[in-house]
N, C-alpha and C. Protein backbone atom coordinates (compact mmCIF):
# COMPACT_ATOMS: atom_id res chain seq x y z
N MET A 1 0.86 -1.20 0.00
CA MET A 1 0.00 0.00 0.00
C MET A 1 0.89 1.24 0.00
N PRO A 2 0.63 2.20 -0.88
CA PRO A 2 1.47 3.40 -0.90
C PRO A 2 1.30 4.21 0.38
N LYS A 3 2.41 4.83 0.78
CA LYS A 3 2.40 5.63 2.00
C LYS A 3 1.56 6.90 1.79
N VAL A 4 0.69 7.18 2.76
CA VAL A 4 -0.13 8.39 2.71
C VAL A 4 0.66 9.54 3.30
N VAL A 5 0.81 10.61 2.53
CA VAL A 5 1.59 11.76 2.98
C VAL A 5 0.65 12.83 3.50
N ASP A 6 0.89 13.27 4.72
CA ASP A 6 0.14 14.40 5.28
C ASP A 6 0.83 15.67 4.80
N HIS A 7 0.26 16.29 3.75
CA HIS A 7 0.94 17.42 3.12
C HIS A 7 1.02 18.63 4.04
N ALA A 8 0.02 18.83 4.89
CA ALA A 8 0.08 19.96 5.83
C ALA A 8 1.23 19.77 6.80
N GLN A 9 1.38 18.54 7.32
CA GLN A 9 2.48 18.26 8.24
C GLN A 9 3.82 18.38 7.52
N ARG A 10 3.89 17.87 6.29
CA ARG A 10 5.14 17.95 5.55
C ARG A 10 5.53 19.40 5.26
N ARG A 11 4.55 20.23 4.91
CA ARG A 11 4.83 21.64 4.66
C ARG A 11 5.36 22.31 5.93
N ALA A 12 4.78 21.97 7.08
CA ALA A 12 5.24 22.55 8.35
C ALA A 12 6.67 22.11 8.64
N GLU A 13 6.98 20.86 8.38
CA GLU A 13 8.34 20.36 8.61
C GLU A 13 9.33 21.05 7.69
N LEU A 14 8.94 21.20 6.42
CA LEU A 14 9.83 21.86 5.47
C LEU A 14 10.01 23.33 5.81
N ALA A 15 8.93 23.97 6.28
CA ALA A 15 9.04 25.38 6.68
C ALA A 15 10.06 25.52 7.81
N ARG A 16 10.02 24.61 8.79
CA ARG A 16 11.00 24.67 9.89
C ARG A 16 12.41 24.50 9.36
N ALA A 17 12.58 23.59 8.38
CA ALA A 17 13.90 23.38 7.80
C ALA A 17 14.37 24.62 7.05
N VAL A 18 13.46 25.24 6.31
CA VAL A 18 13.81 26.48 5.58
C VAL A 18 14.24 27.56 6.56
N TRP A 19 13.45 27.75 7.64
CA TRP A 19 13.80 28.79 8.64
C TRP A 19 15.18 28.52 9.22
N ALA A 20 15.45 27.24 9.54
CA ALA A 20 16.73 26.90 10.17
C ALA A 20 17.90 27.22 9.24
N VAL A 21 17.76 26.87 7.96
CA VAL A 21 18.86 27.12 7.01
C VAL A 21 19.04 28.61 6.79
N ILE A 22 17.94 29.34 6.59
CA ILE A 22 18.06 30.79 6.37
C ILE A 22 18.65 31.46 7.61
N GLY A 23 18.24 31.01 8.80
CA GLY A 23 18.78 31.58 10.03
C GLY A 23 20.28 31.41 10.16
N ARG A 24 20.80 30.28 9.69
CA ARG A 24 22.24 30.02 9.78
C ARG A 24 23.03 30.61 8.62
N GLU A 25 22.45 30.52 7.41
CA GLU A 25 23.25 30.78 6.20
C GLU A 25 22.73 31.92 5.34
N GLY A 26 21.61 32.52 5.75
CA GLY A 26 21.06 33.62 4.97
C GLY A 26 20.26 33.11 3.77
N ILE A 27 19.63 34.07 3.09
CA ILE A 27 18.79 33.73 1.94
C ILE A 27 19.58 33.03 0.85
N GLU A 28 20.75 33.56 0.51
CA GLU A 28 21.52 33.00 -0.60
C GLU A 28 22.04 31.60 -0.29
N GLY A 29 22.21 31.31 1.01
CA GLY A 29 22.68 29.97 1.39
C GLY A 29 21.58 28.94 1.44
N ALA A 30 20.34 29.38 1.31
CA ALA A 30 19.20 28.47 1.41
C ALA A 30 18.91 27.86 0.05
N THR A 31 19.66 26.84 -0.31
CA THR A 31 19.43 26.14 -1.57
C THR A 31 18.50 24.95 -1.34
N VAL A 32 17.97 24.43 -2.42
CA VAL A 32 17.10 23.26 -2.32
C VAL A 32 17.86 22.10 -1.68
N ARG A 33 19.11 21.92 -2.06
CA ARG A 33 19.90 20.82 -1.50
C ARG A 33 20.11 20.99 0.00
N ARG A 34 20.43 22.21 0.45
CA ARG A 34 20.67 22.43 1.87
C ARG A 34 19.38 22.21 2.67
N VAL A 35 18.25 22.65 2.14
CA VAL A 35 16.99 22.44 2.85
C VAL A 35 16.66 20.94 2.90
N ALA A 36 16.91 20.23 1.80
CA ALA A 36 16.67 18.78 1.80
C ALA A 36 17.52 18.09 2.87
N GLU A 37 18.78 18.49 2.98
CA GLU A 37 19.65 17.91 4.00
C GLU A 37 19.12 18.21 5.40
N GLU A 38 18.70 19.46 5.60
CA GLU A 38 18.19 19.86 6.92
C GLU A 38 16.93 19.07 7.28
N ALA A 39 16.07 18.84 6.30
CA ALA A 39 14.81 18.14 6.54
C ALA A 39 14.97 16.62 6.55
N GLY A 40 16.13 16.14 6.10
CA GLY A 40 16.34 14.71 6.07
C GLY A 40 15.58 14.01 4.97
N VAL A 41 15.41 14.69 3.83
CA VAL A 41 14.71 14.09 2.70
C VAL A 41 15.58 14.26 1.46
N SER A 42 15.19 13.57 0.39
CA SER A 42 15.92 13.71 -0.86
C SER A 42 15.49 14.99 -1.56
N VAL A 43 16.36 15.47 -2.45
CA VAL A 43 16.01 16.63 -3.26
C VAL A 43 14.74 16.34 -4.05
N GLY A 44 14.63 15.12 -4.58
CA GLY A 44 13.44 14.75 -5.33
C GLY A 44 12.18 14.79 -4.49
N GLY A 45 12.33 14.54 -3.18
CA GLY A 45 11.18 14.56 -2.28
C GLY A 45 10.59 15.95 -2.09
N LEU A 46 11.31 16.98 -2.52
CA LEU A 46 10.82 18.35 -2.39
C LEU A 46 10.09 18.84 -3.63
N ARG A 47 10.06 18.03 -4.69
CA ARG A 47 9.59 18.52 -5.98
C ARG A 47 8.14 19.00 -5.95
N HIS A 48 7.33 18.48 -5.01
CA HIS A 48 5.94 18.91 -4.93
C HIS A 48 5.80 20.28 -4.24
N TYR A 49 6.88 20.74 -3.63
CA TYR A 49 6.82 21.99 -2.85
C TYR A 49 7.66 23.10 -3.48
N PHE A 50 8.85 22.75 -3.94
CA PHE A 50 9.70 23.70 -4.68
C PHE A 50 10.84 22.91 -5.29
N ASP A 51 11.34 23.41 -6.43
CA ASP A 51 12.44 22.71 -7.10
C ASP A 51 13.55 23.67 -7.54
N SER A 52 13.49 24.89 -7.03
CA SER A 52 14.52 25.88 -7.35
C SER A 52 14.60 26.85 -6.18
N GLN A 53 15.64 27.68 -6.16
CA GLN A 53 15.73 28.66 -5.08
C GLN A 53 14.60 29.68 -5.18
N GLN A 54 14.18 29.98 -6.41
CA GLN A 54 13.06 30.89 -6.59
C GLN A 54 11.79 30.29 -5.95
N GLY A 55 11.54 29.03 -6.23
CA GLY A 55 10.39 28.36 -5.62
C GLY A 55 10.52 28.24 -4.12
N LEU A 56 11.75 28.00 -3.65
CA LEU A 56 11.99 27.91 -2.22
C LEU A 56 11.64 29.23 -1.54
N LEU A 57 12.03 30.34 -2.15
CA LEU A 57 11.75 31.65 -1.56
C LEU A 57 10.25 31.91 -1.51
N ARG A 58 9.52 31.53 -2.57
CA ARG A 58 8.07 31.69 -2.54
C ARG A 58 7.45 30.82 -1.45
N PHE A 59 7.94 29.59 -1.33
CA PHE A 59 7.46 28.69 -0.28
C PHE A 59 7.70 29.31 1.09
N ALA A 60 8.90 29.87 1.29
CA ALA A 60 9.23 30.49 2.58
C ALA A 60 8.33 31.68 2.85
N ALA A 61 8.06 32.49 1.82
CA ALA A 61 7.20 33.66 1.99
C ALA A 61 5.78 33.25 2.36
N GLU A 62 5.27 32.21 1.72
CA GLU A 62 3.91 31.75 2.02
C GLU A 62 3.84 31.19 3.44
N ALA A 63 4.89 30.45 3.84
CA ALA A 63 4.92 29.92 5.20
C ALA A 63 5.01 31.06 6.21
N MET A 64 5.79 32.08 5.90
CA MET A 64 5.92 33.24 6.77
C MET A 64 4.56 33.92 6.94
N ALA A 65 3.85 34.13 5.84
CA ALA A 65 2.55 34.80 5.91
C ALA A 65 1.58 34.00 6.77
N GLY A 66 1.59 32.68 6.62
CA GLY A 66 0.72 31.85 7.44
C GLY A 66 1.05 31.94 8.91
N SER A 67 2.35 31.98 9.22
CA SER A 67 2.77 32.09 10.62
C SER A 67 2.35 33.42 11.22
N VAL A 68 2.54 34.50 10.47
CA VAL A 68 2.15 35.83 10.96
C VAL A 68 0.64 35.88 11.18
N ARG A 69 -0.13 35.36 10.23
CA ARG A 69 -1.60 35.36 10.36
C ARG A 69 -2.03 34.63 11.63
N ALA A 70 -1.39 33.49 11.91
CA ALA A 70 -1.77 32.70 13.08
C ALA A 70 -1.46 33.46 14.37
N ARG A 71 -0.33 34.12 14.42
CA ARG A 71 0.03 34.86 15.63
C ARG A 71 -0.88 36.08 15.82
N VAL A 72 -1.18 36.78 14.73
CA VAL A 72 -2.09 37.93 14.82
C VAL A 72 -3.46 37.47 15.29
N ALA A 73 -3.94 36.34 14.78
CA ALA A 73 -5.24 35.82 15.19
C ALA A 73 -5.28 35.55 16.69
N GLU A 74 -4.17 35.08 17.26
CA GLU A 74 -4.11 34.86 18.70
C GLU A 74 -4.27 36.17 19.45
N HIS A 75 -3.62 37.23 18.98
CA HIS A 75 -3.75 38.54 19.63
C HIS A 75 -5.18 39.07 19.53
N LEU A 76 -5.82 38.81 18.41
CA LEU A 76 -7.18 39.30 18.23
C LEU A 76 -8.17 38.55 19.13
N ARG A 77 -7.88 37.29 19.40
CA ARG A 77 -8.77 36.50 20.27
C ARG A 77 -8.54 36.78 21.75
N ALA A 78 -7.34 37.23 22.10
CA ALA A 78 -6.98 37.40 23.51
C ALA A 78 -7.72 38.57 24.14
N ASP A 79 -7.90 38.48 25.47
CA ASP A 79 -8.53 39.56 26.23
C ASP A 79 -7.45 40.55 26.62
N LEU A 80 -7.30 41.62 25.82
CA LEU A 80 -6.20 42.56 26.00
C LEU A 80 -6.72 44.00 25.94
N PRO A 81 -6.04 44.91 26.63
CA PRO A 81 -6.35 46.34 26.41
C PRO A 81 -6.07 46.69 24.95
N ASP A 82 -6.84 47.62 24.40
CA ASP A 82 -6.77 47.89 22.97
C ASP A 82 -5.38 48.32 22.50
N VAL A 83 -4.72 49.22 23.25
CA VAL A 83 -3.41 49.70 22.81
C VAL A 83 -2.38 48.58 22.87
N GLU A 84 -2.48 47.71 23.87
CA GLU A 84 -1.56 46.57 23.93
C GLU A 84 -1.81 45.62 22.77
N ARG A 85 -3.07 45.41 22.42
CA ARG A 85 -3.39 44.56 21.27
C ARG A 85 -2.78 45.15 19.99
N ALA A 86 -2.91 46.46 19.83
CA ALA A 86 -2.32 47.13 18.66
C ALA A 86 -0.81 46.92 18.62
N ARG A 87 -0.17 47.06 19.78
CA ARG A 87 1.29 46.90 19.83
C ARG A 87 1.70 45.48 19.45
N LEU A 88 1.02 44.49 20.01
CA LEU A 88 1.38 43.10 19.73
C LEU A 88 1.17 42.76 18.26
N ILE A 89 0.08 43.28 17.67
CA ILE A 89 -0.16 43.02 16.25
C ILE A 89 0.99 43.57 15.41
N LEU A 90 1.39 44.82 15.67
CA LEU A 90 2.43 45.44 14.85
C LEU A 90 3.81 44.84 15.12
N GLU A 91 4.03 44.35 16.33
CA GLU A 91 5.33 43.72 16.62
C GLU A 91 5.57 42.48 15.77
N GLU A 92 4.51 41.90 15.21
CA GLU A 92 4.70 40.72 14.36
C GLU A 92 5.41 41.07 13.06
N PHE A 93 5.47 42.36 12.71
CA PHE A 93 6.24 42.80 11.54
C PHE A 93 7.74 42.87 11.81
N LEU A 94 8.12 43.01 13.08
CA LEU A 94 9.45 43.50 13.44
C LEU A 94 10.42 42.38 13.79
N PRO A 95 11.71 42.55 13.48
CA PRO A 95 12.72 41.53 13.78
C PRO A 95 13.16 41.57 15.24
N LEU A 96 12.25 41.18 16.13
CA LEU A 96 12.50 41.30 17.57
C LEU A 96 13.13 40.05 18.17
N ASP A 97 13.19 38.97 17.42
CA ASP A 97 13.83 37.74 17.87
C ASP A 97 14.27 36.98 16.62
N GLU A 98 14.92 35.85 16.82
CA GLU A 98 15.48 35.14 15.65
C GLU A 98 14.41 34.70 14.66
N PRO A 99 13.29 34.08 15.10
CA PRO A 99 12.29 33.68 14.10
C PRO A 99 11.76 34.85 13.28
N ARG A 100 11.46 35.96 13.95
CA ARG A 100 10.93 37.10 13.21
C ARG A 100 12.01 37.79 12.38
N SER A 101 13.26 37.70 12.80
CA SER A 101 14.34 38.23 11.97
C SER A 101 14.45 37.46 10.66
N VAL A 102 14.31 36.14 10.74
CA VAL A 102 14.32 35.32 9.52
C VAL A 102 13.13 35.69 8.63
N GLU A 103 11.97 35.88 9.23
CA GLU A 103 10.79 36.26 8.45
C GLU A 103 11.01 37.58 7.73
N VAL A 104 11.60 38.55 8.42
CA VAL A 104 11.87 39.84 7.79
C VAL A 104 12.87 39.67 6.65
N ASP A 105 13.89 38.83 6.84
CA ASP A 105 14.84 38.57 5.75
C ASP A 105 14.12 38.03 4.52
N VAL A 106 13.20 37.10 4.73
CA VAL A 106 12.45 36.52 3.62
C VAL A 106 11.59 37.59 2.95
N TRP A 107 10.92 38.40 3.76
CA TRP A 107 10.05 39.46 3.23
C TRP A 107 10.85 40.44 2.39
N LEU A 108 12.00 40.89 2.90
CA LEU A 108 12.83 41.84 2.16
C LEU A 108 13.35 41.21 0.86
N ALA A 109 13.73 39.94 0.93
CA ALA A 109 14.24 39.26 -0.26
C ALA A 109 13.14 39.17 -1.33
N CYS A 110 11.90 38.91 -0.90
CA CYS A 110 10.79 38.84 -1.86
C CYS A 110 10.52 40.20 -2.49
N LEU A 111 10.60 41.26 -1.69
CA LEU A 111 10.38 42.59 -2.24
C LEU A 111 11.43 42.93 -3.29
N VAL A 112 12.69 42.63 -2.99
CA VAL A 112 13.75 42.89 -3.96
C VAL A 112 13.55 42.05 -5.21
N ARG A 113 13.22 40.76 -5.04
CA ARG A 113 13.05 39.87 -6.18
C ARG A 113 11.88 40.33 -7.06
N SER A 114 10.84 40.89 -6.43
CA SER A 114 9.66 41.28 -7.21
C SER A 114 9.95 42.43 -8.17
N ARG A 115 11.05 43.13 -7.98
CA ARG A 115 11.38 44.24 -8.88
C ARG A 115 11.79 43.74 -10.26
N PHE A 116 12.28 42.51 -10.33
CA PHE A 116 12.71 42.00 -11.64
C PHE A 116 12.17 40.61 -11.95
N ASP A 117 11.29 40.10 -11.10
CA ASP A 117 10.71 38.78 -11.33
C ASP A 117 9.20 38.90 -11.13
N ALA A 118 8.46 38.88 -12.23
CA ALA A 118 7.01 39.11 -12.17
C ALA A 118 6.28 38.02 -11.39
N SER A 119 6.91 36.86 -11.21
CA SER A 119 6.24 35.79 -10.48
C SER A 119 6.08 36.12 -9.00
N PHE A 120 6.76 37.17 -8.53
CA PHE A 120 6.64 37.59 -7.13
C PHE A 120 5.67 38.76 -6.97
N ASP A 121 5.09 39.23 -8.07
CA ASP A 121 4.21 40.40 -8.00
C ASP A 121 3.03 40.17 -7.06
N GLU A 122 2.40 39.01 -7.16
CA GLU A 122 1.22 38.76 -6.35
C GLU A 122 1.57 38.68 -4.87
N LEU A 123 2.71 38.06 -4.54
CA LEU A 123 3.16 38.02 -3.15
C LEU A 123 3.37 39.43 -2.62
N ARG A 124 4.00 40.28 -3.44
CA ARG A 124 4.25 41.66 -3.03
C ARG A 124 2.93 42.39 -2.80
N ARG A 125 1.97 42.20 -3.71
CA ARG A 125 0.69 42.88 -3.58
C ARG A 125 -0.05 42.43 -2.33
N ILE A 126 -0.12 41.12 -2.13
CA ILE A 126 -0.83 40.58 -0.97
C ILE A 126 -0.17 41.04 0.33
N SER A 127 1.16 41.06 0.32
CA SER A 127 1.90 41.52 1.50
C SER A 127 1.54 42.95 1.85
N GLY A 128 1.52 43.82 0.84
CA GLY A 128 1.20 45.22 1.09
C GLY A 128 -0.22 45.42 1.60
N VAL A 129 -1.17 44.71 1.00
CA VAL A 129 -2.56 44.81 1.43
C VAL A 129 -2.72 44.31 2.86
N GLY A 130 -2.05 43.20 3.17
CA GLY A 130 -2.14 42.64 4.52
C GLY A 130 -1.53 43.56 5.56
N GLU A 131 -0.39 44.16 5.25
CA GLU A 131 0.24 45.09 6.19
C GLU A 131 -0.65 46.30 6.44
N ARG A 132 -1.24 46.84 5.35
CA ARG A 132 -2.11 48.00 5.53
C ARG A 132 -3.31 47.63 6.42
N HIS A 133 -3.85 46.43 6.23
CA HIS A 133 -4.97 46.00 7.06
C HIS A 133 -4.59 45.97 8.53
N LEU A 134 -3.41 45.43 8.84
CA LEU A 134 -2.99 45.37 10.24
C LEU A 134 -2.73 46.75 10.80
N CYS A 135 -2.24 47.65 9.97
CA CYS A 135 -2.06 49.04 10.43
C CYS A 135 -3.41 49.70 10.69
N ARG A 136 -4.40 49.41 9.84
CA ARG A 136 -5.74 49.94 10.09
C ARG A 136 -6.32 49.38 11.39
N LEU A 137 -6.12 48.09 11.63
CA LEU A 137 -6.59 47.49 12.88
C LEU A 137 -5.93 48.17 14.07
N ALA A 138 -4.61 48.30 14.03
CA ALA A 138 -3.89 48.89 15.15
C ALA A 138 -4.35 50.33 15.39
N LEU A 139 -4.52 51.08 14.32
CA LEU A 139 -4.98 52.46 14.45
C LEU A 139 -6.37 52.50 15.07
N ALA A 140 -7.26 51.63 14.63
CA ALA A 140 -8.62 51.61 15.17
C ALA A 140 -8.60 51.31 16.66
N TYR A 141 -7.79 50.35 17.08
CA TYR A 141 -7.72 50.02 18.50
C TYR A 141 -7.16 51.20 19.31
N CYS A 142 -6.18 51.89 18.77
CA CYS A 142 -5.59 53.03 19.47
C CYS A 142 -6.56 54.20 19.58
N ARG A 143 -7.38 54.40 18.55
CA ARG A 143 -8.27 55.56 18.51
C ARG A 143 -9.68 55.24 19.02
N GLY A 144 -9.93 53.98 19.35
CA GLY A 144 -11.24 53.62 19.89
C GLY A 144 -12.36 53.69 18.88
N VAL A 145 -12.04 53.35 17.62
CA VAL A 145 -13.07 53.33 16.58
C VAL A 145 -13.25 51.89 16.10
N ALA A 146 -14.32 51.67 15.35
CA ALA A 146 -14.61 50.32 14.87
C ALA A 146 -13.52 49.85 13.91
N PRO A 147 -12.91 48.69 14.18
CA PRO A 147 -11.88 48.18 13.27
C PRO A 147 -12.50 47.63 12.00
N PRO A 148 -11.77 47.65 10.90
CA PRO A 148 -12.29 47.08 9.65
C PRO A 148 -12.49 45.58 9.80
N GLY A 149 -13.57 45.10 9.24
CA GLY A 149 -13.87 43.67 9.36
C GLY A 149 -13.19 42.83 8.30
N ASP A 150 -12.93 43.42 7.14
CA ASP A 150 -12.36 42.66 6.03
C ASP A 150 -11.07 43.31 5.54
N ILE A 151 -10.18 42.50 5.02
CA ILE A 151 -8.96 43.02 4.42
C ILE A 151 -9.33 43.89 3.22
N GLY A 152 -8.76 45.08 3.19
CA GLY A 152 -9.07 46.01 2.11
C GLY A 152 -10.14 47.02 2.47
N GLN A 153 -10.90 46.74 3.54
CA GLN A 153 -11.93 47.69 3.97
C GLN A 153 -11.27 48.93 4.56
N ARG A 154 -11.70 50.10 4.11
CA ARG A 154 -11.12 51.35 4.56
C ARG A 154 -11.77 51.80 5.86
N LEU A 155 -11.04 52.65 6.58
CA LEU A 155 -11.58 53.23 7.80
C LEU A 155 -12.61 54.31 7.46
N ASP A 156 -13.32 54.77 8.49
CA ASP A 156 -14.51 55.59 8.24
C ASP A 156 -14.24 56.96 7.64
N THR A 157 -13.10 57.55 7.94
CA THR A 157 -12.85 58.91 7.47
C THR A 157 -11.53 58.99 6.71
N GLY A 158 -11.42 60.04 5.90
CA GLY A 158 -10.18 60.26 5.17
C GLY A 158 -9.01 60.52 6.11
N LEU A 159 -9.26 61.18 7.24
CA LEU A 159 -8.19 61.45 8.20
C LEU A 159 -7.64 60.16 8.78
N LEU A 160 -8.54 59.24 9.15
CA LEU A 160 -8.09 57.95 9.68
C LEU A 160 -7.29 57.18 8.64
N GLU A 161 -7.73 57.24 7.39
CA GLU A 161 -6.99 56.56 6.33
C GLU A 161 -5.59 57.17 6.16
N GLN A 162 -5.49 58.49 6.25
CA GLN A 162 -4.17 59.13 6.17
C GLN A 162 -3.28 58.69 7.32
N GLN A 163 -3.86 58.56 8.51
CA GLN A 163 -3.09 58.12 9.66
C GLN A 163 -2.65 56.66 9.52
N ALA A 164 -3.52 55.84 8.93
CA ALA A 164 -3.15 54.44 8.68
C ALA A 164 -2.01 54.36 7.68
N GLU A 165 -2.06 55.20 6.65
CA GLU A 165 -0.97 55.23 5.67
C GLU A 165 0.33 55.66 6.33
N ARG A 166 0.26 56.66 7.19
CA ARG A 166 1.46 57.12 7.90
C ARG A 166 2.01 56.03 8.81
N LEU A 167 1.12 55.33 9.51
CA LEU A 167 1.56 54.24 10.38
C LEU A 167 2.22 53.13 9.57
N HIS A 168 1.66 52.84 8.40
CA HIS A 168 2.23 51.82 7.52
C HIS A 168 3.65 52.22 7.10
N LEU A 169 3.83 53.47 6.71
CA LEU A 169 5.15 53.95 6.32
C LEU A 169 6.12 53.89 7.50
N PHE A 170 5.63 54.27 8.67
CA PHE A 170 6.46 54.19 9.88
C PHE A 170 6.91 52.76 10.14
N MET A 171 5.98 51.80 10.03
CA MET A 171 6.31 50.40 10.30
C MET A 171 7.32 49.87 9.29
N ASP A 172 7.14 50.21 8.01
CA ASP A 172 8.09 49.75 7.01
C ASP A 172 9.48 50.31 7.31
N GLY A 173 9.54 51.59 7.67
CA GLY A 173 10.83 52.20 7.98
C GLY A 173 11.47 51.60 9.21
N LEU A 174 10.69 51.38 10.25
CA LEU A 174 11.23 50.79 11.48
C LEU A 174 11.71 49.37 11.23
N THR A 175 10.94 48.60 10.46
CA THR A 175 11.34 47.22 10.14
C THR A 175 12.66 47.20 9.39
N LEU A 176 12.78 48.05 8.38
CA LEU A 176 14.00 48.08 7.58
C LEU A 176 15.20 48.52 8.42
N GLN A 177 15.04 49.57 9.21
CA GLN A 177 16.14 50.05 10.04
C GLN A 177 16.58 48.99 11.05
N ALA A 178 15.61 48.32 11.68
CA ALA A 178 15.94 47.30 12.67
C ALA A 178 16.64 46.11 12.03
N ALA A 179 16.23 45.77 10.81
CA ALA A 179 16.84 44.64 10.11
C ALA A 179 18.25 44.96 9.62
N MET A 180 18.45 46.18 9.12
CA MET A 180 19.73 46.54 8.52
C MET A 180 20.75 47.03 9.54
N TYR A 181 20.27 47.59 10.66
CA TYR A 181 21.18 48.16 11.66
C TYR A 181 20.82 47.63 13.05
N PRO A 182 20.97 46.32 13.26
CA PRO A 182 20.53 45.73 14.53
C PRO A 182 21.30 46.25 15.74
N THR A 183 22.54 46.70 15.55
CA THR A 183 23.30 47.22 16.68
C THR A 183 22.71 48.55 17.16
N GLU A 184 22.33 49.41 16.21
CA GLU A 184 21.74 50.69 16.55
C GLU A 184 20.29 50.56 16.99
N PHE A 185 19.61 49.50 16.54
CA PHE A 185 18.20 49.30 16.87
C PHE A 185 18.00 47.91 17.49
N PRO A 186 18.49 47.70 18.71
CA PRO A 186 18.24 46.41 19.37
C PRO A 186 16.75 46.28 19.70
N PRO A 187 16.30 45.07 20.02
CA PRO A 187 14.86 44.85 20.22
C PRO A 187 14.19 45.81 21.20
N GLU A 188 14.82 46.10 22.33
CA GLU A 188 14.16 46.97 23.30
C GLU A 188 14.01 48.39 22.76
N GLN A 189 15.01 48.84 21.98
CA GLN A 189 14.90 50.16 21.37
C GLN A 189 13.75 50.19 20.35
N VAL A 190 13.64 49.12 19.59
CA VAL A 190 12.56 49.03 18.60
C VAL A 190 11.21 49.04 19.29
N ARG A 191 11.08 48.26 20.37
CA ARG A 191 9.82 48.23 21.11
C ARG A 191 9.48 49.61 21.67
N MET A 192 10.48 50.29 22.22
CA MET A 192 10.24 51.61 22.80
C MET A 192 9.80 52.60 21.72
N THR A 193 10.41 52.52 20.54
CA THR A 193 10.04 53.41 19.44
C THR A 193 8.60 53.17 19.02
N LEU A 194 8.20 51.89 18.94
CA LEU A 194 6.82 51.57 18.58
C LEU A 194 5.85 52.04 19.65
N ARG A 195 6.18 51.82 20.92
CA ARG A 195 5.30 52.27 22.00
C ARG A 195 5.09 53.78 21.94
N ARG A 196 6.17 54.51 21.67
CA ARG A 196 6.06 55.97 21.60
C ARG A 196 5.12 56.39 20.46
N GLU A 197 5.23 55.72 19.34
CA GLU A 197 4.37 56.05 18.19
C GLU A 197 2.91 55.74 18.51
N LEU A 198 2.66 54.60 19.13
CA LEU A 198 1.29 54.24 19.47
C LEU A 198 0.72 55.16 20.55
N GLY A 199 1.59 55.63 21.44
CA GLY A 199 1.14 56.59 22.44
C GLY A 199 0.65 57.88 21.79
N LEU A 200 1.36 58.35 20.77
CA LEU A 200 0.91 59.53 20.03
C LEU A 200 -0.45 59.28 19.39
N LEU A 201 -0.60 58.10 18.82
CA LEU A 201 -1.88 57.76 18.20
C LEU A 201 -3.01 57.75 19.21
N ALA A 202 -2.78 57.08 20.35
CA ALA A 202 -3.82 56.95 21.35
C ALA A 202 -4.24 58.30 21.93
N ARG A 203 -3.30 59.24 22.00
CA ARG A 203 -3.59 60.56 22.56
C ARG A 203 -4.10 61.53 21.50
N GLY A 204 -4.22 61.06 20.28
CA GLY A 204 -4.70 61.94 19.21
C GLY A 204 -3.69 62.99 18.79
N GLU A 205 -2.38 62.71 18.98
CA GLU A 205 -1.33 63.69 18.65
C GLU A 205 -0.63 63.33 17.35
N TYR A 206 -1.21 62.41 16.60
CA TYR A 206 -0.57 61.90 15.40
C TYR A 206 -0.67 62.91 14.28
């Protein structure tokens, strides 16, 4: 009888292997062969998931997005003060520990690749829409207004939308600075910078 493969479990195992290799060797070191070795499978055994570094990067990006969604969902379900919920949601963007640093590396690599590889366009678009949605959620929690129910749904006023756009730009800048200059922006400094920004939002000083 042929062996039944649990594809969800296999994808999770491969995602862990991808994270481990990228964490040790960076994006360029994450080849199909190295991931196969890390996962303890043959290169041929990966063909249903990816068969090139380009495919590996897309696989990593999709796994990253799923991980972020799951963590954000936990924050949304938890019984938390609104400003703390906003902070925890936005911290999922930031390289505050090794797993999230790897995720940011993957995200940045996908953005760069999308400039000259059209196969990454949809990932880039979905990423941008998802980030804006989380910024809208965080802004709504800070300002005490109804959060958007669906991805892509705009906030009630043009002013709130402008503030969400500004928060999105702030988050992208903070993420990039923290990723590129970790000595100047250690995790506690990044957290303090985010708290200060959310404090301005909550007080209506944005």
